[in-house]
Amino acid sequence: MNNIKIILTDIEGTTSSISFVKDVLFPYAAGKLESFIEANKDDPEVQRILAEVGKDPIQTLKHWIKLDLKVKALKDLQGLIWQKGYKEGDYQGHIYDDAYEHLKEWQKQGIQLYVYSSGSIYAQKLLFGHTKHGDLNYLFSGNFDTSVGNKREAKSYINIYEAILKESPGLEPDEIVFLSDIQEELDAADNAGLKTLLITREDGVDFNNLKLT
C-alpha cells in the first residue's frame, strides 16, 4: 500500500466508540426532542423539518427513533439537538487516542483524509469539532454520508472516488484506502477498486496496527 494518497475513514467503531453514538447521542436527542421543538418552534429550520415530517410530527419522529430509521428530517433535527448539547458542554465528541494520533500524523505527511459515515455530514463535523483534542475538522479534506449511497454497496465508493477525483486529477481507485470495522463495507469498497483495512478493536486491532506500506 505504498502508493496510498487518500485515507477514507468510517467513524463508529473505527475512529470513535460505537457506544458514544448509541448510548450518548441518540438517547440525548430522544430525551430532548419535545422540549427542543417547543423552545424552537419559530425557528425556520425547525419549521422546515416539521413540515417535512408531516402530520403529528412529534409522534412520527418518536416512531422513527424507535425503529432506528435513517430519515433525513430526523437526522437534521437530531443534528440541531446535538449541536446544542455540544455547545452547552453536555458531552464531547469521542475519538480514540490512537485514531487522533495517526490521523494527525498522516495528514502531516500529506495524505488527504476523508470521512464516510452513515451519520450526516453535519453530525460528523459536530463530533470532530468538539473533542478533548479540540476541533479536528481541519484534518479532513471532505466528508461523505449516505447521500452518496449505502455503505455496503460498491457504487457508493465509486461515487466517492469520482468526487475526490475532481479535486485530485489522475488519482487511481487503489490509491485510496478505506478504514472500517464492518467487513461488508470493506467488501463493497474492495469491489469498487479501493484498498481496505479492517479495524476490530475487540480483537486488539486499532490504528496502531494498521500498515499503509
N, C-alpha and C. Protein backbone atom coordinates (compact mmCIF):
# COMPACT_ATOMS: atom_id res chain seq x y z
N MET A 1 0.81 -1.20 0.00
CA MET A 1 0.00 0.00 0.00
C MET A 1 0.85 1.26 0.00
N ASN A 2 2.04 1.18 -0.56
CA ASN A 2 2.94 2.33 -0.51
C ASN A 2 2.55 3.44 -1.46
N ASN A 3 1.44 3.26 -2.20
CA ASN A 3 1.01 4.32 -3.11
C ASN A 3 -0.23 5.04 -2.59
N ILE A 4 -0.55 4.90 -1.31
CA ILE A 4 -1.76 5.49 -0.77
C ILE A 4 -1.65 7.01 -0.70
N LYS A 5 -2.63 7.68 -1.32
CA LYS A 5 -2.68 9.15 -1.31
C LYS A 5 -3.88 9.67 -0.53
N ILE A 6 -4.90 8.82 -0.38
CA ILE A 6 -6.14 9.22 0.29
C ILE A 6 -6.51 8.17 1.33
N ILE A 7 -6.87 8.61 2.53
CA ILE A 7 -7.45 7.72 3.54
C ILE A 7 -8.89 8.14 3.76
N LEU A 8 -9.79 7.20 3.55
CA LEU A 8 -11.22 7.39 3.78
C LEU A 8 -11.59 6.59 5.02
N THR A 9 -12.13 7.24 6.02
CA THR A 9 -12.39 6.53 7.27
C THR A 9 -13.84 6.58 7.71
N ASP A 10 -14.29 5.47 8.24
CA ASP A 10 -15.56 5.37 8.93
C ASP A 10 -15.41 6.05 10.29
N ILE A 11 -16.53 6.23 11.01
CA ILE A 11 -16.46 6.82 12.35
C ILE A 11 -16.77 5.79 13.43
N GLU A 12 -18.02 5.35 13.51
CA GLU A 12 -18.45 4.46 14.60
C GLU A 12 -17.67 3.14 14.58
N GLY A 13 -16.99 2.85 15.68
CA GLY A 13 -16.23 1.62 15.79
C GLY A 13 -14.85 1.71 15.16
N THR A 14 -14.58 2.82 14.49
CA THR A 14 -13.30 2.99 13.78
C THR A 14 -12.49 4.11 14.43
N THR A 15 -12.92 5.35 14.26
CA THR A 15 -12.25 6.46 14.94
C THR A 15 -12.86 6.71 16.31
N SER A 16 -14.10 6.28 16.47
CA SER A 16 -14.87 6.65 17.65
C SER A 16 -15.65 5.46 18.20
N SER A 17 -15.98 5.54 19.46
CA SER A 17 -16.70 4.46 20.12
C SER A 17 -18.14 4.35 19.61
N ILE A 18 -18.56 3.11 19.34
CA ILE A 18 -19.95 2.88 18.96
C ILE A 18 -20.87 3.32 20.10
N SER A 19 -20.45 3.09 21.32
CA SER A 19 -21.30 3.39 22.47
C SER A 19 -21.53 4.89 22.63
N PHE A 20 -20.61 5.73 22.15
CA PHE A 20 -20.82 7.17 22.25
C PHE A 20 -22.05 7.59 21.46
N VAL A 21 -22.17 7.06 20.24
CA VAL A 21 -23.32 7.38 19.41
C VAL A 21 -24.57 6.69 19.94
N LYS A 22 -24.44 5.42 20.25
CA LYS A 22 -25.60 4.61 20.67
C LYS A 22 -26.11 4.98 22.06
N ASP A 23 -25.18 5.19 23.00
CA ASP A 23 -25.57 5.36 24.40
C ASP A 23 -25.57 6.81 24.88
N VAL A 24 -24.99 7.72 24.08
CA VAL A 24 -24.95 9.13 24.48
C VAL A 24 -25.78 9.99 23.51
N LEU A 25 -25.37 10.02 22.25
CA LEU A 25 -26.01 10.95 21.31
C LEU A 25 -27.48 10.62 21.05
N PHE A 26 -27.79 9.37 20.70
CA PHE A 26 -29.17 9.02 20.36
C PHE A 26 -30.12 9.22 21.54
N PRO A 27 -29.78 8.72 22.74
CA PRO A 27 -30.68 8.95 23.88
C PRO A 27 -30.82 10.44 24.22
N TYR A 28 -29.75 11.20 24.07
CA TYR A 28 -29.81 12.63 24.35
C TYR A 28 -30.82 13.31 23.43
N ALA A 29 -30.72 13.03 22.13
CA ALA A 29 -31.64 13.65 21.17
C ALA A 29 -33.08 13.21 21.43
N ALA A 30 -33.27 11.94 21.74
CA ALA A 30 -34.62 11.44 22.01
C ALA A 30 -35.21 12.11 23.25
N GLY A 31 -34.39 12.27 24.27
CA GLY A 31 -34.87 12.87 25.52
C GLY A 31 -35.18 14.35 25.41
N LYS A 32 -34.48 15.04 24.51
CA LYS A 32 -34.66 16.48 24.34
C LYS A 32 -35.62 16.83 23.22
N LEU A 33 -36.16 15.83 22.54
CA LEU A 33 -36.95 16.05 21.33
C LEU A 33 -38.09 17.05 21.54
N GLU A 34 -38.99 16.74 22.45
CA GLU A 34 -40.17 17.58 22.63
C GLU A 34 -39.82 18.98 23.14
N SER A 35 -38.96 19.05 24.14
CA SER A 35 -38.62 20.36 24.71
C SER A 35 -37.88 21.22 23.69
N PHE A 36 -37.03 20.60 22.85
CA PHE A 36 -36.30 21.36 21.85
C PHE A 36 -37.26 21.92 20.80
N ILE A 37 -38.18 21.10 20.34
CA ILE A 37 -39.15 21.55 19.34
C ILE A 37 -40.00 22.69 19.91
N GLU A 38 -40.44 22.55 21.15
CA GLU A 38 -41.27 23.58 21.78
C GLU A 38 -40.50 24.90 21.91
N ALA A 39 -39.25 24.80 22.32
CA ALA A 39 -38.43 26.01 22.53
C ALA A 39 -38.01 26.67 21.22
N ASN A 40 -38.02 25.89 20.12
CA ASN A 40 -37.52 26.41 18.85
C ASN A 40 -38.56 26.33 17.72
N LYS A 41 -39.83 26.32 18.11
CA LYS A 41 -40.89 26.12 17.11
C LYS A 41 -40.99 27.25 16.10
N ASP A 42 -40.43 28.42 16.43
CA ASP A 42 -40.47 29.54 15.50
C ASP A 42 -39.21 29.63 14.63
N ASP A 43 -38.26 28.74 14.87
CA ASP A 43 -37.03 28.72 14.08
C ASP A 43 -37.34 28.18 12.68
N PRO A 44 -36.93 28.89 11.62
CA PRO A 44 -37.25 28.47 10.25
C PRO A 44 -36.76 27.07 9.92
N GLU A 45 -35.60 26.68 10.43
CA GLU A 45 -35.06 25.36 10.13
C GLU A 45 -35.90 24.27 10.81
N VAL A 46 -36.30 24.52 12.04
CA VAL A 46 -37.16 23.56 12.75
C VAL A 46 -38.52 23.47 12.05
N GLN A 47 -39.05 24.60 11.61
CA GLN A 47 -40.32 24.59 10.89
C GLN A 47 -40.21 23.79 9.59
N ARG A 48 -39.08 23.94 8.90
CA ARG A 48 -38.87 23.18 7.66
C ARG A 48 -38.86 21.68 7.94
N ILE A 49 -38.16 21.28 8.99
CA ILE A 49 -38.07 19.87 9.34
C ILE A 49 -39.45 19.31 9.69
N LEU A 50 -40.19 20.04 10.51
CA LEU A 50 -41.51 19.57 10.92
C LEU A 50 -42.45 19.47 9.73
N ALA A 51 -42.31 20.39 8.79
CA ALA A 51 -43.15 20.34 7.58
C ALA A 51 -42.82 19.09 6.77
N GLU A 52 -41.55 18.72 6.73
CA GLU A 52 -41.14 17.51 6.01
C GLU A 52 -41.68 16.26 6.69
N VAL A 53 -41.74 16.29 8.02
CA VAL A 53 -42.24 15.13 8.76
C VAL A 53 -43.72 14.93 8.49
N GLY A 54 -44.47 16.04 8.46
CA GLY A 54 -45.89 15.96 8.14
C GLY A 54 -46.77 15.90 9.37
N LYS A 55 -47.87 15.21 9.28
CA LYS A 55 -48.90 15.15 10.32
C LYS A 55 -48.35 14.53 11.62
N ASP A 56 -48.76 15.16 12.75
CA ASP A 56 -48.36 14.67 14.08
C ASP A 56 -46.85 14.44 14.16
N PRO A 57 -46.04 15.49 13.95
CA PRO A 57 -44.59 15.32 13.81
C PRO A 57 -43.88 14.71 15.01
N ILE A 58 -44.26 15.09 16.24
CA ILE A 58 -43.56 14.56 17.41
C ILE A 58 -43.74 13.06 17.52
N GLN A 59 -44.96 12.58 17.37
CA GLN A 59 -45.19 11.14 17.44
C GLN A 59 -44.52 10.40 16.29
N THR A 60 -44.54 11.04 15.12
CA THR A 60 -43.88 10.43 13.96
C THR A 60 -42.38 10.32 14.19
N LEU A 61 -41.79 11.39 14.70
CA LEU A 61 -40.35 11.38 14.97
C LEU A 61 -39.99 10.34 16.03
N LYS A 62 -40.81 10.23 17.06
CA LYS A 62 -40.57 9.22 18.09
C LYS A 62 -40.66 7.81 17.51
N HIS A 63 -41.60 7.62 16.60
CA HIS A 63 -41.76 6.32 15.95
C HIS A 63 -40.53 6.00 15.10
N TRP A 64 -40.04 6.99 14.38
CA TRP A 64 -38.84 6.79 13.56
C TRP A 64 -37.64 6.44 14.44
N ILE A 65 -37.54 7.13 15.59
CA ILE A 65 -36.44 6.85 16.51
C ILE A 65 -36.52 5.41 17.03
N LYS A 66 -37.72 5.00 17.40
CA LYS A 66 -37.94 3.64 17.91
C LYS A 66 -37.52 2.60 16.90
N LEU A 67 -37.79 2.88 15.61
CA LEU A 67 -37.46 1.93 14.54
C LEU A 67 -36.04 2.12 14.01
N ASP A 68 -35.33 3.15 14.56
CA ASP A 68 -33.96 3.47 14.12
C ASP A 68 -33.91 3.72 12.62
N LEU A 69 -34.87 4.50 12.13
CA LEU A 69 -34.92 4.83 10.70
C LEU A 69 -33.97 5.97 10.39
N LYS A 70 -33.31 5.88 9.23
CA LYS A 70 -32.35 6.91 8.81
C LYS A 70 -33.06 7.91 7.88
N VAL A 71 -34.02 8.63 8.44
CA VAL A 71 -34.80 9.59 7.66
C VAL A 71 -34.13 10.96 7.76
N LYS A 72 -34.02 11.65 6.63
CA LYS A 72 -33.28 12.92 6.61
C LYS A 72 -33.83 13.94 7.60
N ALA A 73 -35.15 14.08 7.66
CA ALA A 73 -35.73 15.06 8.58
C ALA A 73 -35.35 14.76 10.02
N LEU A 74 -35.35 13.47 10.39
CA LEU A 74 -34.95 13.08 11.74
C LEU A 74 -33.48 13.36 11.97
N LYS A 75 -32.65 13.03 11.00
CA LYS A 75 -31.21 13.29 11.13
C LYS A 75 -30.94 14.78 11.29
N ASP A 76 -31.68 15.60 10.51
CA ASP A 76 -31.48 17.05 10.59
C ASP A 76 -31.85 17.58 11.98
N LEU A 77 -32.96 17.09 12.53
CA LEU A 77 -33.38 17.55 13.85
C LEU A 77 -32.42 17.06 14.93
N GLN A 78 -31.99 15.80 14.84
CA GLN A 78 -31.01 15.29 15.79
C GLN A 78 -29.75 16.14 15.77
N GLY A 79 -29.32 16.53 14.57
CA GLY A 79 -28.13 17.36 14.45
C GLY A 79 -28.26 18.68 15.19
N LEU A 80 -29.43 19.31 15.10
CA LEU A 80 -29.66 20.57 15.80
C LEU A 80 -29.64 20.38 17.31
N ILE A 81 -30.24 19.28 17.76
CA ILE A 81 -30.25 18.99 19.20
C ILE A 81 -28.84 18.68 19.69
N TRP A 82 -28.11 17.90 18.91
CA TRP A 82 -26.73 17.57 19.30
C TRP A 82 -25.86 18.82 19.34
N GLN A 83 -26.08 19.74 18.40
CA GLN A 83 -25.31 20.98 18.39
C GLN A 83 -25.49 21.71 19.72
N LYS A 84 -26.72 21.77 20.19
CA LYS A 84 -27.00 22.42 21.46
C LYS A 84 -26.27 21.71 22.61
N GLY A 85 -26.29 20.36 22.58
CA GLY A 85 -25.62 19.59 23.62
C GLY A 85 -24.11 19.82 23.64
N TYR A 86 -23.51 19.83 22.45
CA TYR A 86 -22.08 20.11 22.36
C TYR A 86 -21.77 21.51 22.88
N LYS A 87 -22.57 22.48 22.43
CA LYS A 87 -22.34 23.88 22.79
C LYS A 87 -22.45 24.09 24.29
N GLU A 88 -23.38 23.39 24.92
CA GLU A 88 -23.59 23.56 26.35
C GLU A 88 -22.68 22.67 27.20
N GLY A 89 -21.84 21.88 26.52
CA GLY A 89 -20.88 21.06 27.25
C GLY A 89 -21.48 19.84 27.91
N ASP A 90 -22.61 19.37 27.40
CA ASP A 90 -23.24 18.19 27.98
C ASP A 90 -22.44 16.92 27.68
N TYR A 91 -21.61 16.96 26.65
CA TYR A 91 -20.74 15.84 26.27
C TYR A 91 -19.71 16.35 25.28
N GLN A 92 -18.69 15.54 25.02
CA GLN A 92 -17.67 15.82 24.00
C GLN A 92 -17.73 14.72 22.94
N GLY A 93 -17.35 15.07 21.72
CA GLY A 93 -17.24 14.05 20.68
C GLY A 93 -16.13 13.08 21.03
N HIS A 94 -16.42 11.80 20.99
CA HIS A 94 -15.41 10.81 21.35
C HIS A 94 -14.55 10.44 20.14
N ILE A 95 -13.25 10.43 20.35
CA ILE A 95 -12.32 9.90 19.34
C ILE A 95 -11.22 9.17 20.09
N TYR A 96 -10.90 7.97 19.62
CA TYR A 96 -9.84 7.19 20.25
C TYR A 96 -8.50 7.92 20.12
N ASP A 97 -7.68 7.83 21.15
CA ASP A 97 -6.37 8.48 21.12
C ASP A 97 -5.52 7.98 19.96
N ASP A 98 -5.56 6.66 19.69
CA ASP A 98 -4.75 6.12 18.60
C ASP A 98 -5.22 6.65 17.26
N ALA A 99 -6.54 6.83 17.11
CA ALA A 99 -7.07 7.38 15.86
C ALA A 99 -6.61 8.82 15.68
N TYR A 100 -6.71 9.60 16.74
CA TYR A 100 -6.29 11.01 16.67
C TYR A 100 -4.82 11.14 16.29
N GLU A 101 -3.96 10.37 16.96
CA GLU A 101 -2.52 10.49 16.71
C GLU A 101 -2.17 10.10 15.27
N HIS A 102 -2.78 9.04 14.77
CA HIS A 102 -2.44 8.59 13.43
C HIS A 102 -3.04 9.48 12.34
N LEU A 103 -4.27 9.91 12.54
CA LEU A 103 -4.87 10.82 11.56
C LEU A 103 -4.06 12.11 11.47
N LYS A 104 -3.65 12.62 12.62
CA LYS A 104 -2.84 13.84 12.65
C LYS A 104 -1.51 13.64 11.93
N GLU A 105 -0.87 12.50 12.16
CA GLU A 105 0.42 12.22 11.53
C GLU A 105 0.28 12.01 10.03
N TRP A 106 -0.76 11.27 9.61
CA TRP A 106 -0.96 11.05 8.17
C TRP A 106 -1.24 12.36 7.45
N GLN A 107 -2.03 13.21 8.06
CA GLN A 107 -2.33 14.49 7.43
C GLN A 107 -1.07 15.33 7.32
N LYS A 108 -0.22 15.25 8.35
CA LYS A 108 1.05 15.99 8.33
C LYS A 108 1.96 15.48 7.23
N GLN A 109 1.86 14.18 6.92
CA GLN A 109 2.67 13.58 5.87
C GLN A 109 2.17 13.92 4.46
N GLY A 110 1.02 14.57 4.38
CA GLY A 110 0.49 14.96 3.07
C GLY A 110 -0.58 14.03 2.52
N ILE A 111 -0.96 13.01 3.31
CA ILE A 111 -2.06 12.14 2.91
C ILE A 111 -3.37 12.86 3.20
N GLN A 112 -4.25 12.93 2.21
CA GLN A 112 -5.53 13.59 2.41
C GLN A 112 -6.50 12.65 3.11
N LEU A 113 -7.24 13.19 4.06
CA LEU A 113 -8.17 12.42 4.86
C LEU A 113 -9.61 12.81 4.54
N TYR A 114 -10.47 11.79 4.40
CA TYR A 114 -11.89 12.00 4.17
C TYR A 114 -12.67 11.10 5.12
N VAL A 115 -13.90 11.49 5.40
CA VAL A 115 -14.79 10.72 6.28
C VAL A 115 -15.97 10.20 5.46
N TYR A 116 -16.37 8.95 5.74
CA TYR A 116 -17.59 8.39 5.17
C TYR A 116 -18.33 7.68 6.28
N SER A 117 -19.47 8.22 6.68
CA SER A 117 -20.24 7.68 7.80
C SER A 117 -21.72 7.72 7.48
N SER A 118 -22.48 6.86 8.14
CA SER A 118 -23.93 6.87 7.96
C SER A 118 -24.56 8.09 8.63
N GLY A 119 -23.86 8.69 9.58
CA GLY A 119 -24.33 9.94 10.18
C GLY A 119 -24.20 11.08 9.18
N SER A 120 -25.04 12.07 9.29
CA SER A 120 -25.00 13.19 8.36
C SER A 120 -23.66 13.92 8.44
N ILE A 121 -23.31 14.62 7.38
CA ILE A 121 -22.07 15.40 7.37
C ILE A 121 -22.08 16.42 8.51
N TYR A 122 -23.24 17.01 8.75
CA TYR A 122 -23.38 17.96 9.85
C TYR A 122 -23.03 17.31 11.19
N ALA A 123 -23.57 16.10 11.42
CA ALA A 123 -23.28 15.39 12.67
C ALA A 123 -21.81 14.99 12.76
N GLN A 124 -21.23 14.60 11.63
CA GLN A 124 -19.80 14.25 11.60
C GLN A 124 -18.95 15.44 12.06
N LYS A 125 -19.26 16.61 11.52
CA LYS A 125 -18.47 17.80 11.83
C LYS A 125 -18.67 18.25 13.27
N LEU A 126 -19.87 18.03 13.80
CA LEU A 126 -20.10 18.33 15.21
C LEU A 126 -19.24 17.44 16.09
N LEU A 127 -19.22 16.14 15.79
CA LEU A 127 -18.44 15.20 16.59
C LEU A 127 -16.95 15.55 16.58
N PHE A 128 -16.40 15.73 15.38
CA PHE A 128 -14.97 16.03 15.28
C PHE A 128 -14.65 17.45 15.72
N GLY A 129 -15.67 18.29 15.78
CA GLY A 129 -15.44 19.68 16.17
C GLY A 129 -15.45 19.92 17.66
N HIS A 130 -15.81 18.90 18.45
CA HIS A 130 -15.93 19.08 19.90
C HIS A 130 -15.31 17.89 20.64
N THR A 131 -14.03 17.66 20.44
CA THR A 131 -13.34 16.56 21.11
C THR A 131 -12.43 17.10 22.20
N LYS A 132 -11.89 16.20 23.01
CA LYS A 132 -10.96 16.63 24.05
C LYS A 132 -9.67 17.19 23.46
N HIS A 133 -9.44 16.89 22.17
CA HIS A 133 -8.27 17.42 21.47
C HIS A 133 -8.59 18.72 20.74
N GLY A 134 -9.80 19.22 20.91
CA GLY A 134 -10.21 20.44 20.23
C GLY A 134 -10.97 20.13 18.94
N ASP A 135 -11.03 21.12 18.08
CA ASP A 135 -11.72 20.98 16.79
C ASP A 135 -10.78 20.28 15.81
N LEU A 136 -11.16 19.08 15.37
CA LEU A 136 -10.31 18.29 14.48
C LEU A 136 -10.76 18.33 13.02
N ASN A 137 -11.74 19.15 12.71
CA ASN A 137 -12.22 19.18 11.32
C ASN A 137 -11.15 19.65 10.34
N TYR A 138 -10.14 20.35 10.84
CA TYR A 138 -9.05 20.80 9.97
C TYR A 138 -8.29 19.63 9.35
N LEU A 139 -8.38 18.46 9.97
CA LEU A 139 -7.64 17.31 9.47
C LEU A 139 -8.21 16.78 8.15
N PHE A 140 -9.49 17.04 7.90
CA PHE A 140 -10.19 16.38 6.81
C PHE A 140 -10.39 17.28 5.59
N SER A 141 -10.18 16.68 4.43
CA SER A 141 -10.37 17.40 3.17
C SER A 141 -11.81 17.35 2.69
N GLY A 142 -12.61 16.45 3.28
CA GLY A 142 -14.00 16.34 2.87
C GLY A 142 -14.73 15.27 3.65
N ASN A 143 -16.05 15.32 3.57
CA ASN A 143 -16.91 14.37 4.29
C ASN A 143 -17.97 13.82 3.35
N PHE A 144 -18.34 12.56 3.57
CA PHE A 144 -19.40 11.91 2.81
C PHE A 144 -20.35 11.22 3.77
N ASP A 145 -21.64 11.24 3.43
CA ASP A 145 -22.62 10.48 4.18
C ASP A 145 -23.41 9.62 3.20
N THR A 146 -24.53 9.08 3.63
CA THR A 146 -25.25 8.13 2.78
C THR A 146 -25.99 8.80 1.62
N SER A 147 -25.84 10.11 1.46
CA SER A 147 -26.37 10.75 0.25
C SER A 147 -25.62 10.26 -0.99
N VAL A 148 -24.41 9.70 -0.80
CA VAL A 148 -23.67 9.13 -1.94
C VAL A 148 -24.05 7.67 -2.16
N GLY A 149 -24.82 7.09 -1.20
CA GLY A 149 -25.24 5.70 -1.34
C GLY A 149 -24.99 4.90 -0.08
N ASN A 150 -25.54 3.70 -0.08
CA ASN A 150 -25.42 2.77 1.05
C ASN A 150 -23.97 2.34 1.22
N LYS A 151 -23.53 2.24 2.47
CA LYS A 151 -22.13 1.91 2.74
C LYS A 151 -21.76 0.48 2.38
N ARG A 152 -22.75 -0.35 2.10
CA ARG A 152 -22.47 -1.74 1.75
C ARG A 152 -22.65 -1.99 0.25
N GLU A 153 -22.66 -0.92 -0.53
CA GLU A 153 -22.80 -1.04 -1.98
C GLU A 153 -21.58 -0.44 -2.67
N ALA A 154 -21.03 -1.16 -3.63
CA ALA A 154 -19.82 -0.72 -4.32
C ALA A 154 -20.01 0.62 -5.02
N LYS A 155 -21.22 0.86 -5.54
CA LYS A 155 -21.48 2.11 -6.28
C LYS A 155 -21.22 3.33 -5.40
N SER A 156 -21.45 3.22 -4.11
CA SER A 156 -21.23 4.34 -3.20
C SER A 156 -19.76 4.76 -3.20
N TYR A 157 -18.88 3.77 -3.22
CA TYR A 157 -17.44 4.06 -3.19
C TYR A 157 -16.95 4.56 -4.54
N ILE A 158 -17.60 4.12 -5.60
CA ILE A 158 -17.30 4.67 -6.93
C ILE A 158 -17.69 6.14 -6.95
N ASN A 159 -18.84 6.46 -6.37
CA ASN A 159 -19.29 7.86 -6.31
C ASN A 159 -18.31 8.71 -5.51
N ILE A 160 -17.80 8.16 -4.41
CA ILE A 160 -16.84 8.89 -3.60
C ILE A 160 -15.54 9.09 -4.38
N TYR A 161 -15.07 8.04 -5.02
CA TYR A 161 -13.85 8.15 -5.83
C TYR A 161 -13.99 9.23 -6.89
N GLU A 162 -15.12 9.23 -7.58
CA GLU A 162 -15.34 10.21 -8.65
C GLU A 162 -15.40 11.63 -8.09
N ALA A 163 -15.95 11.79 -6.88
CA ALA A 163 -16.00 13.11 -6.26
C ALA A 163 -14.60 13.59 -5.88
N ILE A 164 -13.80 12.69 -5.31
CA ILE A 164 -12.44 13.06 -4.92
C ILE A 164 -11.58 13.30 -6.16
N LEU A 165 -11.84 12.55 -7.21
CA LEU A 165 -11.08 12.68 -8.45
C LEU A 165 -11.15 14.10 -9.01
N LYS A 166 -12.28 14.77 -8.80
CA LYS A 166 -12.43 16.15 -9.28
C LYS A 166 -11.44 17.08 -8.61
N GLU A 167 -11.08 16.74 -7.36
CA GLU A 167 -10.12 17.55 -6.60
C GLU A 167 -8.69 17.06 -6.79
N SER A 168 -8.55 15.80 -7.18
CA SER A 168 -7.22 15.19 -7.33
C SER A 168 -7.14 14.48 -8.68
N PRO A 169 -7.03 15.23 -9.78
CA PRO A 169 -6.99 14.61 -11.12
C PRO A 169 -5.86 13.59 -11.23
N GLY A 170 -6.18 12.47 -11.87
CA GLY A 170 -5.19 11.42 -12.06
C GLY A 170 -5.17 10.38 -10.95
N LEU A 171 -5.93 10.62 -9.90
CA LEU A 171 -6.00 9.67 -8.79
C LEU A 171 -6.60 8.35 -9.25
N GLU A 172 -5.98 7.24 -8.83
CA GLU A 172 -6.50 5.91 -9.15
C GLU A 172 -7.25 5.36 -7.93
N PRO A 173 -8.27 4.52 -8.15
CA PRO A 173 -9.03 3.98 -7.02
C PRO A 173 -8.16 3.28 -5.98
N ASP A 174 -7.11 2.57 -6.44
CA ASP A 174 -6.30 1.83 -5.47
C ASP A 174 -5.28 2.70 -4.74
N GLU A 175 -5.38 4.02 -4.95
CA GLU A 175 -4.59 4.96 -4.16
C GLU A 175 -5.40 5.49 -2.97
N ILE A 176 -6.61 4.95 -2.82
CA ILE A 176 -7.48 5.26 -1.69
C ILE A 176 -7.58 4.02 -0.81
N VAL A 177 -7.45 4.19 0.49
CA VAL A 177 -7.68 3.07 1.41
C VAL A 177 -8.83 3.45 2.34
N PHE A 178 -9.77 2.52 2.49
CA PHE A 178 -10.93 2.74 3.34
C PHE A 178 -10.76 1.97 4.64
N LEU A 179 -10.98 2.66 5.76
CA LEU A 179 -10.86 2.05 7.08
C LEU A 179 -12.24 1.87 7.69
N SER A 180 -12.54 0.67 8.15
CA SER A 180 -13.85 0.41 8.76
C SER A 180 -13.77 -0.80 9.68
N ASP A 181 -14.76 -0.90 10.56
CA ASP A 181 -14.86 -2.08 11.43
C ASP A 181 -15.91 -3.07 10.90
N ILE A 182 -16.49 -2.77 9.73
CA ILE A 182 -17.54 -3.61 9.16
C ILE A 182 -17.03 -4.28 7.88
N GLN A 183 -16.93 -5.60 7.88
CA GLN A 183 -16.37 -6.31 6.74
C GLN A 183 -17.18 -6.10 5.47
N GLU A 184 -18.51 -6.05 5.59
CA GLU A 184 -19.35 -5.87 4.40
C GLU A 184 -19.09 -4.52 3.72
N GLU A 185 -18.78 -3.51 4.52
CA GLU A 185 -18.44 -2.21 3.94
C GLU A 185 -17.10 -2.29 3.21
N LEU A 186 -16.16 -2.98 3.82
CA LEU A 186 -14.84 -3.15 3.19
C LEU A 186 -14.95 -3.95 1.90
N ASP A 187 -15.81 -4.95 1.89
CA ASP A 187 -16.02 -5.75 0.68
C ASP A 187 -16.55 -4.88 -0.45
N ALA A 188 -17.50 -3.99 -0.12
CA ALA A 188 -18.06 -3.10 -1.13
C ALA A 188 -17.00 -2.16 -1.68
N ALA A 189 -16.18 -1.61 -0.79
CA ALA A 189 -15.10 -0.71 -1.21
C ALA A 189 -14.09 -1.46 -2.08
N ASP A 190 -13.79 -2.69 -1.69
CA ASP A 190 -12.86 -3.52 -2.46
C ASP A 190 -13.40 -3.78 -3.87
N ASN A 191 -14.70 -4.02 -3.96
CA ASN A 191 -15.32 -4.26 -5.26
C ASN A 191 -15.29 -3.01 -6.15
N ALA A 192 -15.16 -1.84 -5.52
CA ALA A 192 -15.06 -0.59 -6.27
C ALA A 192 -13.61 -0.27 -6.64
N GLY A 193 -12.68 -1.12 -6.20
CA GLY A 193 -11.28 -0.93 -6.56
C GLY A 193 -10.43 -0.23 -5.52
N LEU A 194 -11.03 0.08 -4.35
CA LEU A 194 -10.28 0.73 -3.29
C LEU A 194 -9.51 -0.29 -2.47
N LYS A 195 -8.43 0.15 -1.84
CA LYS A 195 -7.76 -0.67 -0.84
C LYS A 195 -8.56 -0.60 0.46
N THR A 196 -8.43 -1.58 1.32
CA THR A 196 -9.20 -1.59 2.56
C THR A 196 -8.36 -2.10 3.73
N LEU A 197 -8.72 -1.65 4.92
CA LEU A 197 -8.12 -2.14 6.16
C LEU A 197 -9.20 -2.28 7.21
N LEU A 198 -9.23 -3.44 7.85
CA LEU A 198 -10.23 -3.74 8.87
C LEU A 198 -9.71 -3.38 10.26
N ILE A 199 -10.54 -2.65 11.01
CA ILE A 199 -10.25 -2.35 12.40
C ILE A 199 -11.21 -3.15 13.27
N THR A 200 -10.69 -4.00 14.13
CA THR A 200 -11.53 -4.78 15.04
C THR A 200 -10.98 -4.58 16.45
N ARG A 201 -11.46 -3.55 17.08
CA ARG A 201 -10.92 -3.18 18.39
C ARG A 201 -11.12 -4.28 19.44
N GLU A 202 -12.20 -5.04 19.30
CA GLU A 202 -12.43 -6.12 20.26
C GLU A 202 -11.35 -7.20 20.16
N ASP A 203 -10.66 -7.23 18.99
CA ASP A 203 -9.56 -8.18 18.80
C ASP A 203 -8.20 -7.51 18.95
N GLY A 204 -8.22 -6.25 19.38
CA GLY A 204 -6.97 -5.53 19.59
C GLY A 204 -6.37 -4.91 18.33
N VAL A 205 -7.17 -4.83 17.26
CA VAL A 205 -6.68 -4.22 16.01
C VAL A 205 -7.19 -2.80 15.91
N ASP A 206 -6.30 -1.84 16.18
CA ASP A 206 -6.69 -0.44 16.10
C ASP A 206 -5.74 0.30 15.16
N PHE A 207 -5.68 1.61 15.22
CA PHE A 207 -4.85 2.38 14.31
C PHE A 207 -3.36 2.07 14.49
N ASN A 208 -2.99 1.64 15.67
CA ASN A 208 -1.58 1.31 15.92
C ASN A 208 -1.13 0.09 15.13
N ASN A 209 -2.08 -0.74 14.71
CA ASN A 209 -1.75 -1.98 14.00
C ASN A 209 -1.84 -1.86 12.48
N LEU A 210 -2.29 -0.72 12.01
CA LEU A 210 -2.51 -0.56 10.56
C LEU A 210 -1.19 -0.35 9.84
N LYS A 211 -1.04 -1.00 8.70
CA LYS A 211 0.16 -0.86 7.88
C LYS A 211 -0.22 -0.31 6.52
N LEU A 212 0.14 0.95 6.28
CA LEU A 212 -0.18 1.56 4.99
C LEU A 212 0.88 1.28 3.94
N THR A 213 2.02 0.74 4.39
CA THR A 213 3.10 0.47 3.43
C THR A 213 3.41 -1.01 3.39
